[in-house]
Amino acid sequence: MHRETEAQVSNPRKRNGHRRRLEQQRWRHMQADCYLCYRPIDYTLRSPDPYSFVIDETIPLARGGTLTHDNSGPAHRWCNAIKGTHSLAWARERVAHLITQGKAPQRAAQVSAGPIRCSDWFGGRE
């Protein structure tokens, strides 16, 4: 039997692992587009590819949201990293702005194993 550590129990993402996997399966089956940038998601890509599939909570768990189908949506890893705990409207506007400026990761580029850098995504270098 799997024993959860104290840190896993306090983290809602670990506590809701089964529910999160069910939501991932549901969105994968629907093959829905990213609900932040409205572009198609390649569901075969794996992490840490910036265009891989992740589940995003519209109202983040950190702000009192729940892990339900009504409060979740499919997103690219990059789009989700930009959204963070911001509102859906803010994130959609910011993602569109970054794409327009050409600051979105290039799809053809090799993906490094390092973290996604977000230094200028929030207006630091504009």
Protein backbone atom coordinates (compact mmCIF):
# COMPACT_ATOMS: atom_id res chain seq x y z
CA MET A 1 0.00 0.00 0.00
CA HIS A 2 1.26 3.48 -0.87
CA ARG A 3 1.93 5.70 2.13
CA GLU A 4 1.72 9.45 1.60
CA THR A 5 4.17 11.74 3.32
CA GLU A 6 2.97 14.73 5.31
CA ALA A 7 4.06 17.10 2.51
CA GLN A 8 2.04 15.13 -0.07
CA VAL A 9 -1.11 15.26 2.05
CA SER A 10 -0.87 19.04 2.47
CA ASN A 11 -0.32 19.55 -1.28
CA PRO A 12 -3.73 19.43 -3.05
CA ARG A 13 -2.07 18.20 -6.25
CA LYS A 14 -0.81 15.08 -4.47
CA ARG A 15 -3.97 14.58 -2.44
CA ASN A 16 -6.11 14.63 -5.62
CA GLY A 17 -3.86 12.45 -7.79
CA HIS A 18 -6.60 10.05 -8.86
CA ARG A 19 -9.02 12.87 -9.71
CA ARG A 20 -6.29 14.70 -11.65
CA ARG A 21 -5.49 11.56 -13.68
CA LEU A 22 -9.19 11.14 -14.52
CA GLU A 23 -9.40 14.75 -15.69
CA GLN A 24 -6.26 14.29 -17.80
CA GLN A 25 -7.78 11.21 -19.44
CA ARG A 26 -11.03 13.04 -20.09
CA TRP A 27 -9.32 16.04 -21.77
CA ARG A 28 -6.95 13.75 -23.73
CA HIS A 29 -9.95 11.83 -25.06
CA MET A 30 -11.63 15.08 -26.16
CA GLN A 31 -8.42 16.25 -27.93
CA ALA A 32 -9.38 19.82 -27.02
CA ASP A 33 -7.33 22.90 -27.93
CA CYS A 34 -5.46 24.93 -25.32
CA TYR A 35 -8.01 27.02 -23.50
CA LEU A 36 -5.49 29.83 -22.99
CA CYS A 37 -4.09 30.39 -26.49
CA TYR A 38 -6.78 28.48 -28.47
CA ARG A 39 -4.13 26.59 -30.46
CA PRO A 40 -4.07 22.79 -30.89
CA ILE A 41 -2.25 20.65 -28.35
CA ASP A 42 -0.03 17.77 -29.47
CA TYR A 43 -1.06 15.19 -26.86
CA THR A 44 1.90 12.95 -27.78
CA LEU A 45 4.48 15.45 -26.48
CA ARG A 46 5.90 14.78 -23.03
CA SER A 47 7.24 17.04 -20.31
CA PRO A 48 9.37 19.22 -20.30
CA ASP A 49 8.34 20.23 -23.83
CA PRO A 50 6.73 23.69 -23.53
CA TYR A 51 3.88 22.59 -25.81
CA SER A 52 3.09 19.38 -23.91
CA PHE A 53 -0.36 18.91 -22.36
CA VAL A 54 -1.17 19.86 -18.77
CA ILE A 55 -4.38 20.43 -16.84
CA ASP A 56 -4.94 23.97 -15.62
CA GLU A 57 -7.41 25.03 -12.96
CA THR A 58 -9.36 28.15 -13.99
CA ILE A 59 -9.53 29.19 -10.34
CA PRO A 60 -6.20 27.91 -8.99
CA LEU A 61 -6.21 25.47 -6.09
CA ALA A 62 -4.04 28.00 -4.25
CA ARG A 63 -6.93 30.50 -4.47
CA GLY A 64 -9.67 28.14 -3.35
CA GLY A 65 -10.46 26.42 -6.66
CA THR A 66 -11.38 22.76 -6.94
CA LEU A 67 -10.18 19.99 -9.21
CA THR A 68 -13.39 19.50 -11.17
CA HIS A 69 -14.14 19.40 -14.88
CA ASP A 70 -15.93 22.76 -14.66
CA ASN A 71 -12.84 24.38 -13.12
CA SER A 72 -10.21 22.83 -15.37
CA GLY A 73 -9.06 23.05 -18.92
CA PRO A 74 -6.37 21.70 -21.22
CA ALA A 75 -3.33 23.90 -21.69
CA HIS A 76 0.17 23.90 -23.08
CA ARG A 77 2.82 23.69 -20.35
CA TRP A 78 4.14 27.11 -21.47
CA CYS A 79 0.72 28.78 -21.36
CA ASN A 80 0.03 27.28 -17.94
CA ALA A 81 3.39 28.53 -16.61
CA ILE A 82 2.47 32.05 -17.68
CA LYS A 83 -0.96 31.86 -16.07
CA GLY A 84 0.29 30.67 -12.69
CA THR A 85 -2.30 31.87 -10.17
CA HIS A 86 -3.49 34.78 -12.32
CA SER A 87 -7.00 35.07 -13.71
CA LEU A 88 -8.01 33.35 -16.94
CA ALA A 89 -8.66 36.69 -18.68
CA TRP A 90 -5.25 38.06 -17.67
CA ALA A 91 -3.50 34.88 -18.83
CA ARG A 92 -5.24 34.82 -22.23
CA GLU A 93 -4.28 38.44 -22.83
CA ARG A 94 -0.68 37.89 -21.71
CA VAL A 95 -0.22 34.73 -23.80
CA ALA A 96 -1.63 36.47 -26.90
CA HIS A 97 0.69 39.43 -26.27
CA LEU A 98 3.77 37.21 -25.96
CA ILE A 99 2.87 35.22 -29.07
CA THR A 100 2.40 38.47 -31.02
CA GLN A 101 5.82 39.68 -29.86
CA GLY A 102 7.43 36.39 -30.91
CA LYS A 103 8.38 35.43 -27.33
CA ALA A 104 6.68 32.05 -27.40
CA PRO A 105 9.00 29.04 -27.51
CA GLN A 106 9.75 27.83 -31.03
CA ARG A 107 8.07 24.53 -31.78
CA ALA A 108 10.92 23.26 -33.94
CA ALA A 109 13.59 24.07 -31.34
CA GLN A 110 15.19 21.37 -29.28
CA VAL A 111 13.83 21.30 -25.77
CA SER A 112 16.38 21.49 -23.01
CA ALA A 113 15.92 19.49 -19.85
CA GLY A 114 16.19 22.69 -17.79
CA PRO A 115 13.34 24.72 -16.37
CA ILE A 116 11.15 26.98 -18.48
CA ARG A 117 12.53 30.49 -18.13
CA CYS A 118 9.93 33.16 -17.47
CA SER A 119 12.16 36.17 -16.74
CA ASP A 120 10.54 38.49 -19.29
CA TRP A 121 7.04 37.01 -19.48
CA PHE A 122 5.65 39.32 -16.83
CA GLY A 123 6.91 42.58 -18.27
CA GLY A 124 10.40 42.58 -16.81
CA ARG A 125 12.16 43.45 -20.08
CA GLU A 126 9.50 45.21 -22.11
